[in-house]
Amino acid sequence: MGNKKKLVQLLAGFAFLIGFSNSALATPSSPDETVKGGWSEDGGYFSTTERKISPSAEVIVDHNGWAETNSWGAERAVGTTWWKDTYHYTRARMELPGGNAVTDSGRQYGYVNTYAASPYADPNFLAKTYYGKD
């Protein structure tokens, strides 16, 4: 895992040198404003809302993200979301530092349960998943 972090840091420096703007490198890890939360291989779970539990302590949204490795060593991001009584999406991406997608499942919409898996990519990229609604 330490080698992956070093490579990510190297890629971030390289991206800066080849012309990404400072604002692109400082972009939050979400690809758009509709994101409510997600998971990142390098940072764990995150949420853009204050809470995931209603006042009655009933869970209203549950998101899980992880990285899967195939037999050839390639990696993909996988995410599932359960969101009570809500039409929403789950999205899975392999990304460069700064949030630029290398592979992307696109938004996988559904009611209550959704699943998304990005195409496989080099394991040195970061696996990230997102959930949200329009």
N, C-alpha and C. Protein backbone atom coordinates (compact mmCIF):
# COMPACT_ATOMS: atom_id res chain seq x y z
N MET A 1 0.83 -1.19 0.00
CA MET A 1 0.00 0.00 0.00
C MET A 1 0.87 1.25 0.00
N GLY A 2 2.03 1.19 0.65
CA GLY A 2 2.92 2.33 0.68
C GLY A 2 3.41 2.72 -0.70
N ASN A 3 3.66 1.72 -1.56
CA ASN A 3 4.10 2.00 -2.93
C ASN A 3 3.01 2.71 -3.72
N LYS A 4 1.75 2.35 -3.47
CA LYS A 4 0.64 2.99 -4.18
C LYS A 4 0.59 4.47 -3.81
N LYS A 5 0.74 4.79 -2.52
CA LYS A 5 0.70 6.18 -2.09
C LYS A 5 1.85 6.98 -2.71
N LYS A 6 3.03 6.36 -2.79
CA LYS A 6 4.17 7.04 -3.40
C LYS A 6 3.91 7.29 -4.88
N LEU A 7 3.33 6.29 -5.56
CA LEU A 7 3.04 6.47 -6.98
C LEU A 7 1.98 7.55 -7.18
N VAL A 8 0.97 7.58 -6.32
CA VAL A 8 -0.06 8.61 -6.42
C VAL A 8 0.55 9.99 -6.24
N GLN A 9 1.47 10.12 -5.28
CA GLN A 9 2.15 11.41 -5.08
C GLN A 9 2.97 11.78 -6.31
N LEU A 10 3.63 10.80 -6.90
CA LEU A 10 4.42 11.04 -8.10
C LEU A 10 3.51 11.46 -9.26
N LEU A 11 2.37 10.76 -9.41
CA LEU A 11 1.42 11.12 -10.47
C LEU A 11 0.87 12.52 -10.26
N ALA A 12 0.61 12.88 -9.00
CA ALA A 12 0.10 14.23 -8.71
C ALA A 12 1.13 15.28 -9.13
N GLY A 13 2.40 15.05 -8.82
CA GLY A 13 3.44 15.98 -9.23
C GLY A 13 3.58 16.05 -10.74
N PHE A 14 3.49 14.90 -11.39
CA PHE A 14 3.58 14.85 -12.84
C PHE A 14 2.41 15.59 -13.48
N ALA A 15 1.21 15.37 -12.94
CA ALA A 15 0.02 16.05 -13.48
C ALA A 15 0.18 17.56 -13.38
N PHE A 16 0.74 18.02 -12.29
CA PHE A 16 0.95 19.46 -12.13
C PHE A 16 1.95 19.96 -13.17
N LEU A 17 3.01 19.20 -13.39
CA LEU A 17 4.05 19.63 -14.32
C LEU A 17 3.57 19.65 -15.77
N ILE A 18 2.63 18.76 -16.12
CA ILE A 18 2.18 18.74 -17.51
C ILE A 18 1.04 19.71 -17.78
N GLY A 19 0.67 20.48 -16.77
CA GLY A 19 -0.24 21.57 -17.08
C GLY A 19 -1.59 21.58 -16.41
N PHE A 20 -1.88 20.67 -15.49
CA PHE A 20 -3.14 20.80 -14.76
C PHE A 20 -3.07 22.07 -13.93
N SER A 21 -4.17 22.77 -13.85
CA SER A 21 -4.18 24.00 -13.06
C SER A 21 -4.21 23.67 -11.58
N ASN A 22 -3.82 24.63 -10.75
CA ASN A 22 -3.89 24.43 -9.31
C ASN A 22 -5.30 24.14 -8.86
N SER A 23 -6.29 24.75 -9.49
CA SER A 23 -7.66 24.51 -9.08
C SER A 23 -8.09 23.09 -9.40
N ALA A 24 -7.59 22.51 -10.48
CA ALA A 24 -7.94 21.12 -10.79
C ALA A 24 -7.36 20.18 -9.76
N LEU A 25 -6.15 20.46 -9.29
CA LEU A 25 -5.55 19.59 -8.28
C LEU A 25 -6.22 19.75 -6.93
N ALA A 26 -6.82 20.89 -6.67
CA ALA A 26 -7.46 21.13 -5.39
C ALA A 26 -8.95 20.78 -5.40
N THR A 27 -9.46 20.28 -6.52
CA THR A 27 -10.87 19.93 -6.63
C THR A 27 -11.24 18.86 -5.63
N PRO A 28 -12.39 19.00 -4.96
CA PRO A 28 -12.83 17.96 -4.05
C PRO A 28 -12.97 16.63 -4.80
N SER A 29 -13.01 15.54 -4.06
CA SER A 29 -13.00 14.22 -4.68
C SER A 29 -14.30 13.86 -5.36
N SER A 30 -15.31 14.70 -5.30
CA SER A 30 -16.57 14.37 -5.96
C SER A 30 -16.59 14.94 -7.38
N PRO A 31 -17.10 14.15 -8.35
CA PRO A 31 -17.10 14.61 -9.73
C PRO A 31 -18.18 15.64 -10.07
N ASP A 32 -19.19 15.85 -9.21
CA ASP A 32 -20.21 16.86 -9.47
C ASP A 32 -20.95 17.22 -8.19
N GLU A 33 -21.85 18.20 -8.30
CA GLU A 33 -22.55 18.76 -7.14
C GLU A 33 -23.64 17.85 -6.59
N THR A 34 -24.05 16.83 -7.34
CA THR A 34 -25.14 15.97 -6.87
C THR A 34 -24.65 14.89 -5.90
N VAL A 35 -23.33 14.76 -5.74
CA VAL A 35 -22.77 13.74 -4.86
C VAL A 35 -23.12 14.03 -3.41
N LYS A 36 -23.59 13.00 -2.72
CA LYS A 36 -23.92 13.11 -1.29
C LYS A 36 -22.89 12.43 -0.42
N GLY A 37 -22.07 11.57 -1.00
CA GLY A 37 -21.04 10.87 -0.24
C GLY A 37 -20.38 9.81 -1.08
N GLY A 38 -19.52 9.01 -0.44
CA GLY A 38 -18.85 7.95 -1.16
C GLY A 38 -17.72 7.34 -0.37
N TRP A 39 -16.80 6.69 -1.10
CA TRP A 39 -15.67 6.01 -0.51
C TRP A 39 -14.47 6.22 -1.41
N SER A 40 -13.29 6.38 -0.80
CA SER A 40 -12.04 6.54 -1.53
C SER A 40 -11.02 5.56 -0.98
N GLU A 41 -10.29 4.91 -1.88
CA GLU A 41 -9.28 3.95 -1.49
C GLU A 41 -8.21 4.58 -0.59
N ASP A 42 -7.94 5.86 -0.80
CA ASP A 42 -6.89 6.50 -0.01
C ASP A 42 -7.42 7.28 1.20
N GLY A 43 -8.73 7.47 1.30
CA GLY A 43 -9.24 8.28 2.40
C GLY A 43 -10.43 7.72 3.15
N GLY A 44 -10.97 6.58 2.71
CA GLY A 44 -12.12 5.99 3.38
C GLY A 44 -13.42 6.65 2.98
N TYR A 45 -14.41 6.54 3.87
CA TYR A 45 -15.75 7.05 3.57
C TYR A 45 -15.83 8.55 3.81
N PHE A 46 -16.70 9.21 3.01
CA PHE A 46 -16.93 10.64 3.20
C PHE A 46 -18.40 10.93 2.92
N SER A 47 -18.88 12.04 3.47
CA SER A 47 -20.25 12.47 3.25
C SER A 47 -20.26 13.97 3.08
N THR A 48 -21.12 14.45 2.18
CA THR A 48 -21.25 15.89 1.99
C THR A 48 -22.44 16.44 2.77
N THR A 49 -23.13 15.55 3.50
CA THR A 49 -24.26 15.96 4.33
C THR A 49 -23.89 15.79 5.79
N GLU A 50 -24.63 16.43 6.66
CA GLU A 50 -24.32 16.41 8.10
C GLU A 50 -24.53 15.05 8.74
N ARG A 51 -25.56 14.32 8.30
CA ARG A 51 -25.80 13.04 8.93
C ARG A 51 -26.42 12.04 7.97
N LYS A 52 -26.23 10.77 8.29
CA LYS A 52 -26.79 9.69 7.50
C LYS A 52 -27.92 8.99 8.26
N ILE A 53 -28.27 9.48 9.44
CA ILE A 53 -29.27 8.83 10.28
C ILE A 53 -30.37 9.83 10.59
N SER A 54 -31.60 9.37 10.50
CA SER A 54 -32.73 10.25 10.78
C SER A 54 -32.86 10.47 12.28
N PRO A 55 -33.66 11.46 12.72
CA PRO A 55 -33.83 11.69 14.16
C PRO A 55 -34.34 10.48 14.92
N SER A 56 -35.07 9.60 14.25
CA SER A 56 -35.58 8.41 14.93
C SER A 56 -34.54 7.29 14.96
N ALA A 57 -33.31 7.59 14.57
CA ALA A 57 -32.18 6.65 14.55
C ALA A 57 -32.37 5.54 13.52
N GLU A 58 -33.22 5.77 12.53
CA GLU A 58 -33.41 4.82 11.45
C GLU A 58 -32.44 5.16 10.33
N VAL A 59 -31.65 4.21 9.89
CA VAL A 59 -30.70 4.45 8.81
C VAL A 59 -31.48 4.74 7.53
N ILE A 60 -31.12 5.83 6.87
CA ILE A 60 -31.81 6.18 5.62
C ILE A 60 -30.94 5.96 4.39
N VAL A 61 -29.62 5.88 4.56
CA VAL A 61 -28.73 5.60 3.43
C VAL A 61 -27.53 4.80 3.94
N ASP A 62 -27.14 3.80 3.14
CA ASP A 62 -25.98 2.97 3.48
C ASP A 62 -25.18 2.76 2.20
N HIS A 63 -23.94 3.26 2.18
CA HIS A 63 -23.08 3.14 1.00
C HIS A 63 -21.84 2.32 1.36
N ASN A 64 -21.48 1.41 0.48
CA ASN A 64 -20.27 0.61 0.66
C ASN A 64 -19.44 0.69 -0.60
N GLY A 65 -18.13 0.89 -0.45
CA GLY A 65 -17.22 0.93 -1.59
C GLY A 65 -16.00 0.09 -1.29
N TRP A 66 -15.40 -0.46 -2.35
CA TRP A 66 -14.19 -1.26 -2.20
C TRP A 66 -13.49 -1.39 -3.54
N ALA A 67 -12.26 -1.88 -3.50
CA ALA A 67 -11.49 -2.15 -4.71
C ALA A 67 -11.42 -3.66 -4.90
N GLU A 68 -11.61 -4.12 -6.13
CA GLU A 68 -11.49 -5.53 -6.47
C GLU A 68 -10.31 -5.70 -7.42
N THR A 69 -9.57 -6.77 -7.23
CA THR A 69 -8.42 -7.08 -8.08
C THR A 69 -8.72 -8.37 -8.84
N ASN A 70 -8.48 -8.37 -10.16
CA ASN A 70 -8.71 -9.59 -10.93
C ASN A 70 -7.46 -10.46 -10.94
N SER A 71 -7.52 -11.60 -11.61
CA SER A 71 -6.40 -12.56 -11.59
C SER A 71 -5.17 -12.05 -12.33
N TRP A 72 -5.30 -10.97 -13.14
CA TRP A 72 -4.16 -10.39 -13.84
C TRP A 72 -3.56 -9.21 -13.08
N GLY A 73 -4.13 -8.89 -11.92
CA GLY A 73 -3.60 -7.81 -11.11
C GLY A 73 -4.21 -6.45 -11.37
N ALA A 74 -5.14 -6.36 -12.30
CA ALA A 74 -5.82 -5.09 -12.55
C ALA A 74 -6.85 -4.85 -11.44
N GLU A 75 -7.23 -3.60 -11.24
CA GLU A 75 -8.12 -3.24 -10.15
C GLU A 75 -9.31 -2.44 -10.67
N ARG A 76 -10.45 -2.59 -9.98
CA ARG A 76 -11.62 -1.77 -10.30
C ARG A 76 -12.28 -1.32 -9.01
N ALA A 77 -13.03 -0.23 -9.10
CA ALA A 77 -13.81 0.28 -7.97
C ALA A 77 -15.21 -0.31 -8.07
N VAL A 78 -15.76 -0.66 -6.90
CA VAL A 78 -17.11 -1.22 -6.83
C VAL A 78 -17.85 -0.52 -5.70
N GLY A 79 -19.10 -0.17 -5.94
CA GLY A 79 -19.91 0.47 -4.90
C GLY A 79 -21.34 -0.01 -4.91
N THR A 80 -21.93 -0.06 -3.72
CA THR A 80 -23.35 -0.36 -3.57
C THR A 80 -23.96 0.71 -2.67
N THR A 81 -25.20 1.05 -2.93
CA THR A 81 -25.90 2.02 -2.09
C THR A 81 -27.32 1.54 -1.85
N TRP A 82 -27.73 1.58 -0.61
CA TRP A 82 -29.12 1.36 -0.22
C TRP A 82 -29.60 2.68 0.35
N TRP A 83 -30.65 3.25 -0.25
CA TRP A 83 -31.17 4.54 0.18
C TRP A 83 -32.68 4.42 0.29
N LYS A 84 -33.16 4.47 1.51
CA LYS A 84 -34.57 4.22 1.80
C LYS A 84 -35.49 5.09 0.95
N ASP A 85 -36.41 4.42 0.24
CA ASP A 85 -37.47 5.09 -0.52
C ASP A 85 -36.96 6.19 -1.46
N THR A 86 -35.77 6.01 -2.05
CA THR A 86 -35.17 7.08 -2.84
C THR A 86 -34.62 6.57 -4.16
N TYR A 87 -34.94 7.28 -5.24
CA TYR A 87 -34.35 7.05 -6.55
C TYR A 87 -33.00 7.77 -6.55
N HIS A 88 -31.91 7.06 -6.78
CA HIS A 88 -30.56 7.61 -6.64
C HIS A 88 -29.60 6.87 -7.57
N TYR A 89 -28.32 7.25 -7.50
CA TYR A 89 -27.31 6.55 -8.29
C TYR A 89 -26.11 6.17 -7.43
N THR A 90 -25.38 5.19 -7.93
CA THR A 90 -24.06 4.83 -7.42
C THR A 90 -23.12 4.91 -8.61
N ARG A 91 -21.92 5.38 -8.37
CA ARG A 91 -20.93 5.54 -9.44
C ARG A 91 -19.58 5.03 -8.93
N ALA A 92 -18.83 4.32 -9.78
CA ALA A 92 -17.52 3.78 -9.41
C ALA A 92 -16.50 4.22 -10.46
N ARG A 93 -15.35 4.72 -9.98
CA ARG A 93 -14.33 5.25 -10.89
C ARG A 93 -12.94 4.87 -10.41
N MET A 94 -12.04 4.71 -11.36
CA MET A 94 -10.61 4.67 -11.08
C MET A 94 -10.10 6.03 -11.49
N GLU A 95 -9.37 6.71 -10.58
CA GLU A 95 -9.03 8.11 -10.81
C GLU A 95 -7.55 8.41 -10.65
N LEU A 96 -7.14 9.49 -11.33
CA LEU A 96 -5.85 10.13 -11.11
C LEU A 96 -6.00 11.06 -9.91
N PRO A 97 -4.89 11.47 -9.29
CA PRO A 97 -5.00 12.50 -8.26
C PRO A 97 -5.67 13.74 -8.83
N GLY A 98 -6.51 14.37 -8.05
CA GLY A 98 -7.24 15.54 -8.52
C GLY A 98 -8.62 15.21 -9.04
N GLY A 99 -8.96 13.93 -9.11
CA GLY A 99 -10.31 13.53 -9.47
C GLY A 99 -10.57 13.25 -10.93
N ASN A 100 -9.57 13.25 -11.78
CA ASN A 100 -9.79 12.96 -13.20
C ASN A 100 -9.95 11.45 -13.39
N ALA A 101 -11.05 11.05 -14.05
CA ALA A 101 -11.36 9.63 -14.22
C ALA A 101 -10.49 8.96 -15.26
N VAL A 102 -10.04 7.77 -14.95
CA VAL A 102 -9.35 6.90 -15.89
C VAL A 102 -10.37 5.91 -16.46
N THR A 103 -11.18 5.32 -15.57
CA THR A 103 -12.32 4.48 -15.96
C THR A 103 -13.51 4.92 -15.13
N ASP A 104 -14.72 4.71 -15.64
CA ASP A 104 -15.92 5.23 -14.98
C ASP A 104 -17.11 4.33 -15.32
N SER A 105 -17.84 3.91 -14.31
CA SER A 105 -19.05 3.11 -14.53
C SER A 105 -20.19 3.96 -15.06
N GLY A 106 -20.07 5.27 -14.88
CA GLY A 106 -21.21 6.14 -15.12
C GLY A 106 -22.19 6.00 -13.97
N ARG A 107 -23.19 6.85 -13.94
CA ARG A 107 -24.19 6.78 -12.88
C ARG A 107 -25.12 5.58 -13.12
N GLN A 108 -25.20 4.72 -12.14
CA GLN A 108 -26.08 3.56 -12.22
C GLN A 108 -27.28 3.85 -11.32
N TYR A 109 -28.41 4.21 -11.94
CA TYR A 109 -29.60 4.64 -11.20
C TYR A 109 -30.47 3.46 -10.79
N GLY A 110 -31.18 3.66 -9.71
CA GLY A 110 -32.15 2.69 -9.25
C GLY A 110 -32.95 3.22 -8.08
N TYR A 111 -33.94 2.46 -7.70
CA TYR A 111 -34.79 2.82 -6.56
C TYR A 111 -34.41 1.91 -5.40
N VAL A 112 -34.01 2.46 -4.30
CA VAL A 112 -33.60 1.80 -3.06
C VAL A 112 -32.19 1.21 -3.17
N ASN A 113 -31.95 0.22 -4.07
CA ASN A 113 -30.63 -0.44 -4.17
C ASN A 113 -29.96 -0.14 -5.50
N THR A 114 -28.68 0.23 -5.45
CA THR A 114 -27.91 0.42 -6.69
C THR A 114 -26.53 -0.21 -6.54
N TYR A 115 -25.94 -0.57 -7.68
CA TYR A 115 -24.62 -1.21 -7.76
C TYR A 115 -23.88 -0.61 -8.95
N ALA A 116 -22.59 -0.34 -8.77
CA ALA A 116 -21.76 0.15 -9.88
C ALA A 116 -20.37 -0.45 -9.77
N ALA A 117 -19.79 -0.78 -10.91
CA ALA A 117 -18.41 -1.29 -10.97
C ALA A 117 -17.72 -0.64 -12.16
N SER A 118 -16.57 -0.04 -11.92
CA SER A 118 -15.81 0.57 -13.01
C SER A 118 -15.12 -0.52 -13.82
N PRO A 119 -14.72 -0.22 -15.05
CA PRO A 119 -13.86 -1.15 -15.78
C PRO A 119 -12.51 -1.29 -15.04
N TYR A 120 -11.85 -2.40 -15.25
CA TYR A 120 -10.54 -2.62 -14.61
C TYR A 120 -9.50 -1.67 -15.19
N ALA A 121 -8.54 -1.32 -14.33
CA ALA A 121 -7.46 -0.42 -14.72
C ALA A 121 -6.20 -0.81 -13.94
N ASP A 122 -5.13 -0.12 -14.23
CA ASP A 122 -3.87 -0.32 -13.51
C ASP A 122 -4.12 -0.11 -12.02
N PRO A 123 -3.61 -0.99 -11.16
CA PRO A 123 -3.87 -0.87 -9.73
C PRO A 123 -3.22 0.35 -9.06
N ASN A 124 -2.41 1.09 -9.78
CA ASN A 124 -1.80 2.29 -9.20
C ASN A 124 -2.74 3.49 -9.19
N PHE A 125 -3.84 3.42 -9.92
CA PHE A 125 -4.84 4.48 -9.85
C PHE A 125 -5.68 4.27 -8.59
N LEU A 126 -6.42 5.31 -8.18
CA LEU A 126 -7.21 5.24 -6.96
C LEU A 126 -8.65 4.82 -7.26
N ALA A 127 -9.15 3.85 -6.51
CA ALA A 127 -10.54 3.43 -6.62
C ALA A 127 -11.40 4.37 -5.78
N LYS A 128 -12.49 4.89 -6.38
CA LYS A 128 -13.42 5.77 -5.65
C LYS A 128 -14.85 5.46 -6.06
N THR A 129 -15.75 5.56 -5.10
CA THR A 129 -17.17 5.37 -5.38
C THR A 129 -17.94 6.58 -4.85
N TYR A 130 -19.10 6.81 -5.47
CA TYR A 130 -19.93 7.95 -5.10
C TYR A 130 -21.38 7.53 -5.10
N TYR A 131 -22.21 8.26 -4.34
CA TYR A 131 -23.66 8.11 -4.46
C TYR A 131 -24.29 9.49 -4.37
N GLY A 132 -25.47 9.61 -4.97
CA GLY A 132 -26.14 10.90 -4.94
C GLY A 132 -27.47 10.82 -5.64
N LYS A 133 -28.10 11.98 -5.79
CA LYS A 133 -29.37 12.06 -6.52
C LYS A 133 -29.46 13.43 -7.16
N ASP A 134 -30.19 13.49 -8.27
CA ASP A 134 -30.36 14.75 -9.00
C ASP A 134 -31.36 15.63 -8.32
